[in-house]
Amino acid sequence: MWVRQIHRWLSIAFTLAVIANIVAMTMQLDAAWIGFLALVPLIPLLATGLYLFALPYLGRRGDAHSEARS
């Protein structure tokens, strides 16, 4: 499913942004934009993660309706 693939690539981007933030902090750079860099993939990562979390429950609801009609 394409949402799962997007979620995987967003998690890689988020991980790289966090690593860049840690490296910047250890080098004592005062670049606030590096800290906010992790928020760019985090917001869609949250949306896709919530969708993937709810997907099994939404699928079950459709199965219950079809079983009740039988």
C-alpha atoms as a PDB file:
ATOM      1  CA  MET A   1       0.000   0.000   0.000  1.00  0.00           C
ATOM      2  CA  TRP A   2       1.319   3.436  -0.855  1.00  0.00           C
ATOM      3  CA  VAL A   3       0.607   4.943   2.588  1.00  0.00           C
ATOM      4  CA  ARG A   4       2.874   2.361   4.215  1.00  0.00           C
ATOM      5  CA  GLN A   5       5.695   3.165   1.779  1.00  0.00           C
ATOM      6  CA  ILE A   6       5.323   6.916   2.385  1.00  0.00           C
ATOM      7  CA  HIS A   7       5.366   6.257   6.129  1.00  0.00           C
ATOM      8  CA  ARG A   8       8.627   4.314   5.812  1.00  0.00           C
ATOM      9  CA  TRP A   9      10.343   7.057   3.810  1.00  0.00           C
ATOM     10  CA  LEU A  10       9.105   9.722   6.220  1.00  0.00           C
ATOM     11  CA  SER A  11      10.523   7.760   9.141  1.00  0.00           C
ATOM     12  CA  ILE A  12      13.917   7.659   7.408  1.00  0.00           C
ATOM     13  CA  ALA A  13      13.775  11.426   6.819  1.00  0.00           C
ATOM     14  CA  PHE A  14      12.778  12.012  10.451  1.00  0.00           C
ATOM     15  CA  THR A  15      15.636   9.830  11.701  1.00  0.00           C
ATOM     16  CA  LEU A  16      18.146  11.725   9.573  1.00  0.00           C
ATOM     17  CA  ALA A  17      16.800  15.057  10.829  1.00  0.00           C
ATOM     18  CA  VAL A  18      17.132  13.918  14.449  1.00  0.00           C
ATOM     19  CA  ILE A  19      20.703  12.746  13.811  1.00  0.00           C
ATOM     20  CA  ALA A  20      21.511  16.121  12.230  1.00  0.00           C
ATOM     21  CA  ASN A  21      20.045  17.837  15.287  1.00  0.00           C
ATOM     22  CA  ILE A  22      22.165  15.720  17.655  1.00  0.00           C
ATOM     23  CA  VAL A  23      25.316  16.422  15.639  1.00  0.00           C
ATOM     24  CA  ALA A  24      24.559  20.157  15.656  1.00  0.00           C
ATOM     25  CA  MET A  25      24.040  20.103  19.413  1.00  0.00           C
ATOM     26  CA  THR A  26      27.313  18.291  20.034  1.00  0.00           C
ATOM     27  CA  MET A  27      29.125  20.819  17.836  1.00  0.00           C
ATOM     28  CA  GLN A  28      27.368  23.545  19.841  1.00  0.00           C
ATOM     29  CA  LEU A  29      25.942  25.210  16.768  1.00  0.00           C
ATOM     30  CA  ASP A  30      23.245  27.768  17.474  1.00  0.00           C
ATOM     31  CA  ALA A  31      21.062  26.979  14.489  1.00  0.00           C
ATOM     32  CA  ALA A  32      17.437  26.774  15.597  1.00  0.00           C
ATOM     33  CA  TRP A  33      16.301  25.765  12.117  1.00  0.00           C
ATOM     34  CA  ILE A  34      18.035  22.396  12.534  1.00  0.00           C
ATOM     35  CA  GLY A  35      15.802  21.687  15.515  1.00  0.00           C
ATOM     36  CA  PHE A  36      12.714  22.557  13.502  1.00  0.00           C
ATOM     37  CA  LEU A  37      13.968  20.428  10.610  1.00  0.00           C
ATOM     38  CA  ALA A  38      12.692  17.310  12.368  1.00  0.00           C
ATOM     39  CA  LEU A  39       9.154  18.722  12.476  1.00  0.00           C
ATOM     40  CA  VAL A  40       8.840  18.741   8.682  1.00  0.00           C
ATOM     41  CA  PRO A  41       8.610  14.936   8.302  1.00  0.00           C
ATOM     42  CA  LEU A  42       7.135  14.458  11.780  1.00  0.00           C
ATOM     43  CA  ILE A  43       3.744  15.998  10.999  1.00  0.00           C
ATOM     44  CA  PRO A  44       2.930  13.803   7.965  1.00  0.00           C
ATOM     45  CA  LEU A  45       4.540  10.870   9.803  1.00  0.00           C
ATOM     46  CA  LEU A  46       1.969  11.352  12.550  1.00  0.00           C
ATOM     47  CA  ALA A  47      -0.886  11.461  10.053  1.00  0.00           C
ATOM     48  CA  THR A  48       0.195   8.328   8.184  1.00  0.00           C
ATOM     49  CA  GLY A  49       0.931   6.527  11.449  1.00  0.00           C
ATOM     50  CA  LEU A  50      -2.526   7.247  12.815  1.00  0.00           C
ATOM     51  CA  TYR A  51      -4.072   6.054   9.562  1.00  0.00           C
ATOM     52  CA  LEU A  52      -2.066   2.825   9.620  1.00  0.00           C
ATOM     53  CA  PHE A  53      -2.974   2.330  13.278  1.00  0.00           C
ATOM     54  CA  ALA A  54      -6.692   2.710  12.592  1.00  0.00           C
ATOM     55  CA  LEU A  55      -6.684   0.626   9.409  1.00  0.00           C
ATOM     56  CA  PRO A  56      -7.252  -2.800  11.054  1.00  0.00           C
ATOM     57  CA  TYR A  57     -10.098  -1.424  13.148  1.00  0.00           C
ATOM     58  CA  LEU A  58     -11.764   0.139  10.123  1.00  0.00           C
ATOM     59  CA  GLY A  59     -11.448  -3.152   8.247  1.00  0.00           C
ATOM     60  CA  ARG A  60     -13.043  -5.096  11.084  1.00  0.00           C
ATOM     61  CA  ARG A  61     -16.020  -2.779  11.139  1.00  0.00           C
ATOM     62  CA  GLY A  62     -16.779  -3.594   7.499  1.00  0.00           C
ATOM     63  CA  ASP A  63     -16.474  -7.320   8.192  1.00  0.00           C
ATOM     64  CA  ALA A  64     -18.942  -7.109  11.077  1.00  0.00           C
ATOM     65  CA  HIS A  65     -21.532  -5.465   8.852  1.00  0.00           C
ATOM     66  CA  SER A  66     -21.168  -8.107   6.153  1.00  0.00           C
ATOM     67  CA  GLU A  67     -21.462 -10.937   8.710  1.00  0.00           C
ATOM     68  CA  ALA A  68     -24.590  -9.388  10.212  1.00  0.00           C
ATOM     69  CA  ARG A  69     -26.272  -9.282   6.792  1.00  0.00           C
ATOM     70  CA  SER A  70     -25.601 -12.981   6.122  1.00  0.00           C
END
